[in-house]
C-alpha atoms as a PDB file:
ATOM      1  CA  UNK A   1       0.000   0.000   0.000  1.00  0.00           C
ATOM      2  CA  UNK A   2       1.686   3.191  -1.197  1.00  0.00           C
ATOM      3  CA  UNK A   3       1.367   6.399   0.841  1.00  0.00           C
ATOM      4  CA  UNK A   4       1.553  10.094  -0.013  1.00  0.00           C
ATOM      5  CA  UNK A   5       1.188  13.048   2.331  1.00  0.00           C
ATOM      6  CA  UNK A   6      -0.313  16.070   0.583  1.00  0.00           C
ATOM      7  CA  UNK A   7       0.789  19.210   2.362  1.00  0.00           C
ATOM      8  CA  UNK A   8       4.355  19.982   3.451  1.00  0.00           C
ATOM      9  CA  UNK A   9       3.584  22.040   6.530  1.00  0.00           C
ATOM     10  CA  UNK A  10       4.976  21.036   9.903  1.00  0.00           C
ATOM     11  CA  UNK A  11       2.404  18.321  10.622  1.00  0.00           C
ATOM     12  CA  UNK A  12       2.422  16.798   7.143  1.00  0.00           C
ATOM     13  CA  UNK A  13       6.212  16.746   7.179  1.00  0.00           C
ATOM     14  CA  UNK A  14       6.277  15.115  10.620  1.00  0.00           C
ATOM     15  CA  UNK A  15       3.891  12.364   9.493  1.00  0.00           C
ATOM     16  CA  UNK A  16       5.990  11.761   6.392  1.00  0.00           C
ATOM     17  CA  UNK A  17       9.167  11.451   8.495  1.00  0.00           C
ATOM     18  CA  UNK A  18       7.524   9.038  10.937  1.00  0.00           C
ATOM     19  CA  UNK A  19       6.025   6.844   8.231  1.00  0.00           C
ATOM     20  CA  UNK A  20       9.244   6.701   6.206  1.00  0.00           C
ATOM     21  CA  UNK A  21      11.516   6.090   9.187  1.00  0.00           C
ATOM     22  CA  UNK A  22      11.279   2.288   8.930  1.00  0.00           C
ATOM     23  CA  UNK A  23      12.402   2.349   5.302  1.00  0.00           C
ATOM     24  CA  UNK A  24       9.059   2.149   3.494  1.00  0.00           C
ATOM     25  CA  UNK A  25       8.631   4.502   0.518  1.00  0.00           C
ATOM     26  CA  UNK A  26       6.604   7.618   1.293  1.00  0.00           C
ATOM     27  CA  UNK A  27       5.953  10.680  -0.866  1.00  0.00           C
ATOM     28  CA  UNK A  28       5.595  14.201   0.540  1.00  0.00           C
ATOM     29  CA  UNK A  29       3.932  16.732  -1.746  1.00  0.00           C
ATOM     30  CA  UNK A  30       4.053  20.508  -1.411  1.00  0.00           C
ATOM     31  CA  UNK A  31       3.740  23.490  -3.731  1.00  0.00           C
ATOM     32  CA  UNK A  32       7.093  25.021  -2.814  1.00  0.00           C
ATOM     33  CA  UNK A  33       9.460  22.128  -2.182  1.00  0.00           C
ATOM     34  CA  UNK A  34      11.864  22.460  -5.108  1.00  0.00           C
ATOM     35  CA  UNK A  35      14.707  23.763  -2.925  1.00  0.00           C
ATOM     36  CA  UNK A  36      13.741  21.948   0.271  1.00  0.00           C
ATOM     37  CA  UNK A  37      16.672  19.538   0.291  1.00  0.00           C
ATOM     38  CA  UNK A  38      16.604  16.763   2.918  1.00  0.00           C
ATOM     39  CA  UNK A  39      14.796  18.649   5.675  1.00  0.00           C
ATOM     40  CA  UNK A  40      11.947  21.130   5.908  1.00  0.00           C
ATOM     41  CA  UNK A  41      14.053  23.972   7.278  1.00  0.00           C
ATOM     42  CA  UNK A  42      11.177  26.452   7.066  1.00  0.00           C
ATOM     43  CA  UNK A  43       8.429  24.488   8.814  1.00  0.00           C
ATOM     44  CA  UNK A  44      10.223  21.786  10.808  1.00  0.00           C
ATOM     45  CA  UNK A  45      13.942  22.555  11.098  1.00  0.00           C
ATOM     46  CA  UNK A  46      16.397  20.063  12.554  1.00  0.00           C
ATOM     47  CA  UNK A  47      14.572  16.898  11.468  1.00  0.00           C
ATOM     48  CA  UNK A  48      16.321  15.170   8.575  1.00  0.00           C
ATOM     49  CA  UNK A  49      14.305  13.196   6.042  1.00  0.00           C
ATOM     50  CA  UNK A  50      14.736   9.397   5.969  1.00  0.00           C
ATOM     51  CA  UNK A  51      16.273   8.055   2.765  1.00  0.00           C
ATOM     52  CA  UNK A  52      12.960   6.479   1.711  1.00  0.00           C
ATOM     53  CA  UNK A  53      11.078   9.795   1.854  1.00  0.00           C
ATOM     54  CA  UNK A  54      10.617  11.345  -1.582  1.00  0.00           C
ATOM     55  CA  UNK A  55       9.639  15.015  -1.965  1.00  0.00           C
ATOM     56  CA  UNK A  56       7.795  16.324  -5.017  1.00  0.00           C
ATOM     57  CA  UNK A  57       5.834  19.337  -6.244  1.00  0.00           C
ATOM     58  CA  UNK A  58       4.046  17.177  -8.861  1.00  0.00           C
ATOM     59  CA  UNK A  59       0.578  16.595  -7.391  1.00  0.00           C
ATOM     60  CA  UNK A  60      -0.500  14.162 -10.109  1.00  0.00           C
ATOM     61  CA  UNK A  61       2.525  12.006  -9.368  1.00  0.00           C
ATOM     62  CA  UNK A  62       1.926  12.077  -5.606  1.00  0.00           C
ATOM     63  CA  UNK A  63      -1.773  11.258  -6.079  1.00  0.00           C
ATOM     64  CA  UNK A  64      -0.910   7.935  -7.711  1.00  0.00           C
ATOM     65  CA  UNK A  65      -0.456   6.413  -4.242  1.00  0.00           C
ATOM     66  CA  UNK A  66      -3.190   4.198  -2.805  1.00  0.00           C
ATOM     67  CA  UNK A  67      -3.549   6.242   0.378  1.00  0.00           C
ATOM     68  CA  UNK A  68      -3.419  10.035   0.446  1.00  0.00           C
ATOM     69  CA  UNK A  69      -3.079  11.863   3.759  1.00  0.00           C
ATOM     70  CA  UNK A  70      -4.540  15.354   3.435  1.00  0.00           C
ATOM     71  CA  UNK A  71      -2.406  17.669   5.571  1.00  0.00           C
ATOM     72  CA  UNK A  72      -3.803  20.933   4.221  1.00  0.00           C
ATOM     73  CA  UNK A  73      -5.266  23.640   6.509  1.00  0.00           C
ATOM     74  CA  UNK A  74      -8.959  23.044   7.229  1.00  0.00           C
ATOM     75  CA  UNK A  75     -10.172  26.233   5.576  1.00  0.00           C
ATOM     76  CA  UNK A  76      -8.338  25.292   2.361  1.00  0.00           C
ATOM     77  CA  UNK A  77      -9.464  21.653   2.211  1.00  0.00           C
ATOM     78  CA  UNK A  78     -12.713  22.126   0.275  1.00  0.00           C
ATOM     79  CA  UNK A  79     -11.075  24.242  -2.413  1.00  0.00           C
ATOM     80  CA  UNK A  80      -8.085  21.913  -2.702  1.00  0.00           C
ATOM     81  CA  UNK A  81     -10.315  18.857  -3.186  1.00  0.00           C
ATOM     82  CA  UNK A  82     -12.654  20.607  -5.622  1.00  0.00           C
ATOM     83  CA  UNK A  83      -9.774  21.858  -7.765  1.00  0.00           C
ATOM     84  CA  UNK A  84      -7.995  18.501  -7.906  1.00  0.00           C
ATOM     85  CA  UNK A  85     -10.841  15.982  -7.496  1.00  0.00           C
ATOM     86  CA  UNK A  86     -10.070  14.284 -10.821  1.00  0.00           C
ATOM     87  CA  UNK A  87      -6.829  13.014  -9.233  1.00  0.00           C
ATOM     88  CA  UNK A  88      -8.516  11.544  -6.156  1.00  0.00           C
ATOM     89  CA  UNK A  89     -11.108   9.137  -7.556  1.00  0.00           C
ATOM     90  CA  UNK A  90     -11.210   5.739  -5.789  1.00  0.00           C
ATOM     91  CA  UNK A  91      -8.427   6.745  -3.407  1.00  0.00           C
ATOM     92  CA  UNK A  92      -8.443   6.484   0.371  1.00  0.00           C
ATOM     93  CA  UNK A  93      -8.356  10.094   1.580  1.00  0.00           C
ATOM     94  CA  UNK A  94      -7.238  10.522   5.196  1.00  0.00           C
ATOM     95  CA  UNK A  95      -7.798  14.045   6.541  1.00  0.00           C
ATOM     96  CA  UNK A  96      -5.393  15.156   9.258  1.00  0.00           C
ATOM     97  CA  UNK A  97      -6.709  18.724   9.576  1.00  0.00           C
ATOM     98  CA  UNK A  98      -8.924  19.659  12.529  1.00  0.00           C
ATOM     99  CA  UNK A  99     -11.771  22.107  12.250  1.00  0.00           C
ATOM    100  CA  UNK A 100     -15.100  23.073  10.729  1.00  0.00           C
ATOM    101  CA  UNK A 101     -15.304  24.777   7.352  1.00  0.00           C
ATOM    102  CA  UNK A 102     -16.511  28.371   7.742  1.00  0.00           C
ATOM    103  CA  UNK A 103     -18.404  28.447   4.448  1.00  0.00           C
ATOM    104  CA  UNK A 104     -20.275  25.140   4.650  1.00  0.00           C
ATOM    105  CA  UNK A 105     -20.200  24.230   8.344  1.00  0.00           C
ATOM    106  CA  UNK A 106     -18.893  20.781   7.359  1.00  0.00           C
ATOM    107  CA  UNK A 107     -16.042  18.758   8.829  1.00  0.00           C
ATOM    108  CA  UNK A 108     -13.276  17.162   6.748  1.00  0.00           C
ATOM    109  CA  UNK A 109     -14.950  13.754   6.330  1.00  0.00           C
ATOM    110  CA  UNK A 110     -18.164  15.383   5.143  1.00  0.00           C
ATOM    111  CA  UNK A 111     -16.238  17.571   2.697  1.00  0.00           C
ATOM    112  CA  UNK A 112     -14.428  14.542   1.271  1.00  0.00           C
ATOM    113  CA  UNK A 113     -17.693  12.608   0.863  1.00  0.00           C
ATOM    114  CA  UNK A 114     -19.393  15.571  -0.817  1.00  0.00           C
ATOM    115  CA  UNK A 115     -16.526  16.538  -3.138  1.00  0.00           C
ATOM    116  CA  UNK A 116     -15.090  13.137  -4.083  1.00  0.00           C
ATOM    117  CA  UNK A 117     -18.007  10.743  -3.499  1.00  0.00           C
ATOM    118  CA  UNK A 118     -16.237   7.644  -4.819  1.00  0.00           C
ATOM    119  CA  UNK A 119     -13.240   8.097  -2.493  1.00  0.00           C
ATOM    120  CA  UNK A 120     -13.018   6.383   0.911  1.00  0.00           C
ATOM    121  CA  UNK A 121     -12.925   9.105   3.609  1.00  0.00           C
ATOM    122  CA  UNK A 122     -10.981   8.694   6.838  1.00  0.00           C
ATOM    123  CA  UNK A 123      -9.835  10.923   9.712  1.00  0.00           C
ATOM    124  CA  UNK A 124      -6.556  10.744  11.639  1.00  0.00           C
ATOM    125  CA  UNK A 125      -6.727  12.729  14.863  1.00  0.00           C
ATOM    126  CA  UNK A 126      -5.555  12.799  18.464  1.00  0.00           C
ATOM    127  CA  UNK A 127      -2.979  14.340  20.822  1.00  0.00           C
ATOM    128  CA  UNK A 128       0.026  15.113  18.642  1.00  0.00           C
ATOM    129  CA  UNK A 129       2.502  17.909  18.028  1.00  0.00           C
ATOM    130  CA  UNK A 130       4.546  17.910  14.844  1.00  0.00           C
ATOM    131  CA  UNK A 131       7.896  18.350  16.611  1.00  0.00           C
ATOM    132  CA  UNK A 132       7.202  15.363  18.868  1.00  0.00           C
ATOM    133  CA  UNK A 133       6.202  13.091  16.000  1.00  0.00           C
ATOM    134  CA  UNK A 134       9.213  14.108  13.916  1.00  0.00           C
ATOM    135  CA  UNK A 135      11.520  13.456  16.865  1.00  0.00           C
ATOM    136  CA  UNK A 136      10.180   9.923  17.189  1.00  0.00           C
ATOM    137  CA  UNK A 137       8.427  10.565  20.506  1.00  0.00           C
ATOM    138  CA  UNK A 138       5.475   8.265  21.177  1.00  0.00           C
ATOM    139  CA  UNK A 139       1.777   9.078  21.041  1.00  0.00           C
ATOM    140  CA  UNK A 140      -1.517   7.383  20.232  1.00  0.00           C
ATOM    141  CA  UNK A 141      -4.018   8.588  17.646  1.00  0.00           C
ATOM    142  CA  UNK A 142      -7.469   7.610  16.438  1.00  0.00           C
ATOM    143  CA  UNK A 143      -8.070   6.524  12.848  1.00  0.00           C
ATOM    144  CA  UNK A 144     -11.735   6.896  11.928  1.00  0.00           C
ATOM    145  CA  UNK A 145     -12.735   4.858   8.882  1.00  0.00           C
ATOM    146  CA  UNK A 146     -15.607   2.595   7.902  1.00  0.00           C
ATOM    147  CA  UNK A 147     -13.501  -0.499   7.228  1.00  0.00           C
ATOM    148  CA  UNK A 148      -9.905   0.084   8.177  1.00  0.00           C
ATOM    149  CA  UNK A 149      -7.959  -2.775   9.735  1.00  0.00           C
ATOM    150  CA  UNK A 150      -5.491  -2.858   6.844  1.00  0.00           C
ATOM    151  CA  UNK A 151      -5.198   0.937   6.835  1.00  0.00           C
ATOM    152  CA  UNK A 152      -4.673   0.984  10.605  1.00  0.00           C
ATOM    153  CA  UNK A 153      -1.777  -1.453  10.281  1.00  0.00           C
ATOM    154  CA  UNK A 154      -0.285   0.433   7.337  1.00  0.00           C
ATOM    155  CA  UNK A 155      -0.305   3.878   8.969  1.00  0.00           C
ATOM    156  CA  UNK A 156       0.927   2.779  12.389  1.00  0.00           C
ATOM    157  CA  UNK A 157       4.620   3.379  13.058  1.00  0.00           C
ATOM    158  CA  UNK A 158       7.125   2.744  15.825  1.00  0.00           C
ATOM    159  CA  UNK A 159       6.066   5.962  17.571  1.00  0.00           C
ATOM    160  CA  UNK A 160       2.443   6.296  16.386  1.00  0.00           C
ATOM    161  CA  UNK A 161       0.005   3.780  17.886  1.00  0.00           C
ATOM    162  CA  UNK A 162      -3.322   3.976  16.043  1.00  0.00           C
ATOM    163  CA  UNK A 163      -6.687   3.009  17.510  1.00  0.00           C
ATOM    164  CA  UNK A 164      -9.535   2.380  15.090  1.00  0.00           C
ATOM    165  CA  UNK A 165     -13.038   3.881  15.175  1.00  0.00           C
ATOM    166  CA  UNK A 166     -15.999   3.922  12.795  1.00  0.00           C
ATOM    167  CA  UNK A 167     -17.343   7.194  14.280  1.00  0.00           C
ATOM    168  CA  UNK A 168     -16.044   9.670  11.712  1.00  0.00           C
ATOM    169  CA  UNK A 169     -18.326  12.444  12.991  1.00  0.00           C
ATOM    170  CA  UNK A 170     -17.167  12.073  16.586  1.00  0.00           C
ATOM    171  CA  UNK A 171     -13.485  11.930  15.701  1.00  0.00           C
ATOM    172  CA  UNK A 172     -13.556  14.962  13.431  1.00  0.00           C
ATOM    173  CA  UNK A 173     -15.604  17.014  15.922  1.00  0.00           C
ATOM    174  CA  UNK A 174     -13.340  16.141  18.842  1.00  0.00           C
ATOM    175  CA  UNK A 175     -10.347  17.456  16.929  1.00  0.00           C
ATOM    176  CA  UNK A 176     -12.220  20.574  15.845  1.00  0.00           C
ATOM    177  CA  UNK A 177     -13.948  21.621  19.048  1.00  0.00           C
ATOM    178  CA  UNK A 178     -10.944  21.215  21.330  1.00  0.00           C
ATOM    179  CA  UNK A 179      -9.220  24.040  19.428  1.00  0.00           C
ATOM    180  CA  UNK A 180     -11.916  26.470  20.548  1.00  0.00           C
ATOM    181  CA  UNK A 181     -11.490  25.483  24.195  1.00  0.00           C
ATOM    182  CA  UNK A 182      -7.704  25.748  23.793  1.00  0.00           C
ATOM    183  CA  UNK A 183      -8.099  29.384  22.736  1.00  0.00           C
ATOM    184  CA  UNK A 184     -10.288  30.007  25.798  1.00  0.00           C
ATOM    185  CA  UNK A 185      -7.673  28.436  28.080  1.00  0.00           C
ATOM    186  CA  UNK A 186      -4.918  30.475  26.463  1.00  0.00           C
ATOM    187  CA  UNK A 187      -6.935  33.647  26.966  1.00  0.00           C
ATOM    188  CA  UNK A 188      -7.398  32.798  30.642  1.00  0.00           C
ATOM    189  CA  UNK A 189      -3.737  32.054  31.272  1.00  0.00           C
ATOM    190  CA  UNK A 190      -2.530  35.042  29.274  1.00  0.00           C
ATOM    191  CA  UNK A 191      -4.839  37.308  31.261  1.00  0.00           C
ATOM    192  CA  UNK A 192      -3.513  35.908  34.540  1.00  0.00           C
ATOM    193  CA  UNK A 193      -6.731  34.200  35.635  1.00  0.00           C
ATOM    194  CA  UNK A 194      -4.834  31.175  36.946  1.00  0.00           C
ATOM    195  CA  UNK A 195      -4.640  27.427  36.536  1.00  0.00           C
ATOM    196  CA  UNK A 196      -7.847  26.790  38.491  1.00  0.00           C
ATOM    197  CA  UNK A 197      -9.751  28.841  35.920  1.00  0.00           C
ATOM    198  CA  UNK A 198      -8.087  26.872  33.137  1.00  0.00           C
ATOM    199  CA  UNK A 199      -9.097  23.558  34.727  1.00  0.00           C
ATOM    200  CA  UNK A 200     -12.682  24.781  34.972  1.00  0.00           C
ATOM    201  CA  UNK A 201     -12.654  25.843  31.315  1.00  0.00           C
ATOM    202  CA  UNK A 202     -11.307  22.453  30.223  1.00  0.00           C
ATOM    203  CA  UNK A 203     -14.028  20.655  32.188  1.00  0.00           C
ATOM    204  CA  UNK A 204     -16.950  22.813  31.134  1.00  0.00           C
ATOM    205  CA  UNK A 205     -15.528  23.081  27.629  1.00  0.00           C
ATOM    206  CA  UNK A 206     -15.572  19.297  27.391  1.00  0.00           C
ATOM    207  CA  UNK A 207     -19.259  19.389  28.329  1.00  0.00           C
ATOM    208  CA  UNK A 208     -19.849  21.809  25.434  1.00  0.00           C
ATOM    209  CA  UNK A 209     -17.986  19.507  23.080  1.00  0.00           C
ATOM    210  CA  UNK A 210     -20.175  16.579  24.122  1.00  0.00           C
ATOM    211  CA  UNK A 211     -23.406  18.561  23.654  1.00  0.00           C
ATOM    212  CA  UNK A 212     -22.508  19.709  20.171  1.00  0.00           C
ATOM    213  CA  UNK A 213     -21.168  16.326  19.092  1.00  0.00           C
ATOM    214  CA  UNK A 214     -24.355  14.601  20.286  1.00  0.00           C
ATOM    215  CA  UNK A 215     -26.351  17.049  18.168  1.00  0.00           C
ATOM    216  CA  UNK A 216     -24.364  15.954  15.115  1.00  0.00           C
ATOM    217  CA  UNK A 217     -24.832  12.250  15.839  1.00  0.00           C
ATOM    218  CA  UNK A 218     -21.446  11.412  17.383  1.00  0.00           C
ATOM    219  CA  UNK A 219     -21.038   8.571  19.856  1.00  0.00           C
ATOM    220  CA  UNK A 220     -20.421   9.848  23.427  1.00  0.00           C
ATOM    221  CA  UNK A 221     -17.507   7.463  24.033  1.00  0.00           C
ATOM    222  CA  UNK A 222     -15.647   8.903  21.039  1.00  0.00           C
ATOM    223  CA  UNK A 223     -15.403  12.316  22.687  1.00  0.00           C
ATOM    224  CA  UNK A 224     -13.946  10.656  25.792  1.00  0.00           C
ATOM    225  CA  UNK A 225     -11.179   9.117  23.692  1.00  0.00           C
ATOM    226  CA  UNK A 226      -7.929  10.248  22.117  1.00  0.00           C
ATOM    227  CA  UNK A 227      -9.457  12.480  19.462  1.00  0.00           C
ATOM    228  CA  UNK A 228     -11.620  14.275  22.035  1.00  0.00           C
ATOM    229  CA  UNK A 229     -10.513  14.439  25.648  1.00  0.00           C
ATOM    230  CA  UNK A 230      -6.954  13.307  24.866  1.00  0.00           C
ATOM    231  CA  UNK A 231      -6.373  16.095  22.353  1.00  0.00           C
ATOM    232  CA  UNK A 232      -8.204  18.577  24.597  1.00  0.00           C
ATOM    233  CA  UNK A 233      -5.870  17.863  27.511  1.00  0.00           C
ATOM    234  CA  UNK A 234      -2.805  18.397  25.328  1.00  0.00           C
ATOM    235  CA  UNK A 235      -3.803  21.547  23.496  1.00  0.00           C
ATOM    236  CA  UNK A 236      -5.191  23.333  26.561  1.00  0.00           C
ATOM    237  CA  UNK A 237      -1.983  22.985  28.561  1.00  0.00           C
ATOM    238  CA  UNK A 238       0.948  23.487  26.177  1.00  0.00           C
ATOM    239  CA  UNK A 239       2.286  26.529  24.360  1.00  0.00           C
ATOM    240  CA  UNK A 240       3.245  24.173  21.517  1.00  0.00           C
ATOM    241  CA  UNK A 241      -0.454  24.369  20.637  1.00  0.00           C
ATOM    242  CA  UNK A 242      -0.978  27.173  18.140  1.00  0.00           C
ATOM    243  CA  UNK A 243      -4.529  27.724  19.380  1.00  0.00           C
ATOM    244  CA  UNK A 244      -3.470  27.913  23.036  1.00  0.00           C
ATOM    245  CA  UNK A 245      -0.508  30.174  22.219  1.00  0.00           C
ATOM    246  CA  UNK A 246      -2.800  32.396  20.134  1.00  0.00           C
ATOM    247  CA  UNK A 247      -5.151  32.767  23.091  1.00  0.00           C
ATOM    248  CA  UNK A 248      -2.258  33.452  25.470  1.00  0.00           C
ATOM    249  CA  UNK A 249      -1.001  36.252  23.240  1.00  0.00           C
ATOM    250  CA  UNK A 250      -4.433  37.881  23.075  1.00  0.00           C
ATOM    251  CA  UNK A 251      -4.855  37.430  26.822  1.00  0.00           C
ATOM    252  CA  UNK A 252      -1.653  39.400  27.431  1.00  0.00           C
ATOM    253  CA  UNK A 253      -2.995  42.199  25.245  1.00  0.00           C
ATOM    254  CA  UNK A 254      -0.509  41.517  22.461  1.00  0.00           C
ATOM    255  CA  UNK A 255      -0.978  40.997  18.717  1.00  0.00           C
ATOM    256  CA  UNK A 256      -0.443  37.413  17.466  1.00  0.00           C
ATOM    257  CA  UNK A 257       2.140  36.985  14.692  1.00  0.00           C
ATOM    258  CA  UNK A 258       0.893  37.069  11.121  1.00  0.00           C
ATOM    259  CA  UNK A 259       0.648  33.912   9.032  1.00  0.00           C
ATOM    260  CA  UNK A 260       0.090  31.380  11.814  1.00  0.00           C
ATOM    261  CA  UNK A 261      -2.667  28.824  11.153  1.00  0.00           C
ATOM    262  CA  UNK A 262      -5.122  28.953  14.066  1.00  0.00           C
ATOM    263  CA  UNK A 263      -8.011  26.683  13.129  1.00  0.00           C
ATOM    264  CA  UNK A 264      -9.913  27.345  16.351  1.00  0.00           C
ATOM    265  CA  UNK A 265     -10.706  30.949  15.480  1.00  0.00           C
ATOM    266  CA  UNK A 266     -12.674  29.850  12.390  1.00  0.00           C
ATOM    267  CA  UNK A 267     -14.163  26.780  14.031  1.00  0.00           C
ATOM    268  CA  UNK A 268     -15.462  28.882  16.929  1.00  0.00           C
ATOM    269  CA  UNK A 269     -17.463  31.098  14.600  1.00  0.00           C
ATOM    270  CA  UNK A 270     -18.819  28.222  12.519  1.00  0.00           C
ATOM    271  CA  UNK A 271     -19.807  26.178  15.584  1.00  0.00           C
ATOM    272  CA  UNK A 272     -21.358  29.169  17.349  1.00  0.00           C
ATOM    273  CA  UNK A 273     -23.577  29.817  14.323  1.00  0.00           C
ATOM    274  CA  UNK A 274     -24.606  26.166  14.044  1.00  0.00           C
ATOM    275  CA  UNK A 275     -25.289  25.917  17.780  1.00  0.00           C
ATOM    276  CA  UNK A 276     -27.473  29.030  17.769  1.00  0.00           C
ATOM    277  CA  UNK A 277     -29.526  27.635  14.891  1.00  0.00           C
ATOM    278  CA  UNK A 278     -30.013  24.384  16.819  1.00  0.00           C
ATOM    279  CA  UNK A 279     -30.557  26.201  20.154  1.00  0.00           C
ATOM    280  CA  UNK A 280     -27.639  24.391  21.806  1.00  0.00           C
ATOM    281  CA  UNK A 281     -26.017  26.142  24.769  1.00  0.00           C
ATOM    282  CA  UNK A 282     -22.323  26.886  24.017  1.00  0.00           C
ATOM    283  CA  UNK A 283     -21.352  29.692  26.421  1.00  0.00           C
ATOM    284  CA  UNK A 284     -17.547  29.271  26.258  1.00  0.00           C
ATOM    285  CA  UNK A 285     -17.587  29.109  22.476  1.00  0.00           C
ATOM    286  CA  UNK A 286     -19.787  32.197  22.286  1.00  0.00           C
ATOM    287  CA  UNK A 287     -17.481  34.119  24.628  1.00  0.00           C
ATOM    288  CA  UNK A 288     -14.444  33.157  22.523  1.00  0.00           C
ATOM    289  CA  UNK A 289     -16.223  34.440  19.406  1.00  0.00           C
ATOM    290  CA  UNK A 290     -17.176  37.668  21.162  1.00  0.00           C
ATOM    291  CA  UNK A 291     -13.574  38.288  22.245  1.00  0.00           C
ATOM    292  CA  UNK A 292     -12.141  37.426  18.819  1.00  0.00           C
ATOM    293  CA  UNK A 293     -14.624  39.763  17.125  1.00  0.00           C
ATOM    294  CA  UNK A 294     -13.757  42.452  19.731  1.00  0.00           C
ATOM    295  CA  UNK A 295     -17.385  42.732  20.775  1.00  0.00           C
ATOM    296  CA  UNK A 296     -16.486  42.036  24.409  1.00  0.00           C
ATOM    297  CA  UNK A 297     -13.353  42.214  26.541  1.00  0.00           C
ATOM    298  CA  UNK A 298     -11.840  39.248  28.361  1.00  0.00           C
ATOM    299  CA  UNK A 299     -13.088  40.658  31.654  1.00  0.00           C
ATOM    300  CA  UNK A 300     -16.605  40.970  30.246  1.00  0.00           C
ATOM    301  CA  UNK A 301     -16.384  37.409  28.949  1.00  0.00           C
ATOM    302  CA  UNK A 302     -15.408  36.120  32.400  1.00  0.00           C
ATOM    303  CA  UNK A 303     -18.275  38.048  33.988  1.00  0.00           C
ATOM    304  CA  UNK A 304     -20.701  36.560  31.449  1.00  0.00           C
ATOM    305  CA  UNK A 305     -19.616  33.013  32.320  1.00  0.00           C
ATOM    306  CA  UNK A 306     -19.634  33.592  36.096  1.00  0.00           C
ATOM    307  CA  UNK A 307     -23.049  35.252  36.110  1.00  0.00           C
ATOM    308  CA  UNK A 308     -24.840  32.414  34.324  1.00  0.00           C
ATOM    309  CA  UNK A 309     -27.724  30.827  36.302  1.00  0.00           C
ATOM    310  CA  UNK A 310     -26.605  28.277  38.886  1.00  0.00           C
ATOM    311  CA  UNK A 311     -27.483  24.659  38.053  1.00  0.00           C
ATOM    312  CA  UNK A 312     -26.564  21.052  38.670  1.00  0.00           C
ATOM    313  CA  UNK A 313     -23.420  19.747  36.985  1.00  0.00           C
END
């Protein structure tokens, strides 16, 4: 089973390094890789490519593989698939991006099914930072796919232990929603509200994730797994998380650097809109949106959460 990773950002590069480390042939595709050499010095410096990792800017050539891992940013996924769908017929398409599309309100699996209906959609998600994967540090991820024992075995590596699930909706929503809560936790820590406040946000944020996922038909146990609670715990407590670091910067009253992909900011708005239409209570998500849109201050957001009616947990 041949493998290509489409997208030479930090995460796509890390997956390519991990999957090629045991000597199997892997292709990494990117638009600007002509002068990359044997490491991705721009996105993931200090991690040399294994000899069996081939880099190309020829998408048609990369798409000849049996399995294609889509490591494009979430907000670019729909356009990328629509533009190149002729190359992806009958392929297994494994999305590694985490989020909800702002335009359609769809997750990656739904976008794959809608855009390339004869492809087999899958989701790879869970607690993972690119630098850790590239360094060979261990983690466990969830692979969501309808029938995937062979794919599970093929994508597992010495440092990536994959668990299989058939709940594509739950896995993609866990990875998307935790980014919103990570921004909230970063805001709290950046503003000096303390670790107790962060713990409360993680806990109540997880409750929000479960409510929204149930609305979309996800299985409750999926959100308690690696792609939900596991990823939530990681991204809400580490500055390696772009969403958490983004929130921290805003919480300190600073301007985040330009050009950093922060999927949670778009997911928050999409989910808030969907939740309002369905009359689902998402107070933390709504506060994050209000702060990002500069409609409320962090202090006002805290007051809004603390002044909500008292109730049973």
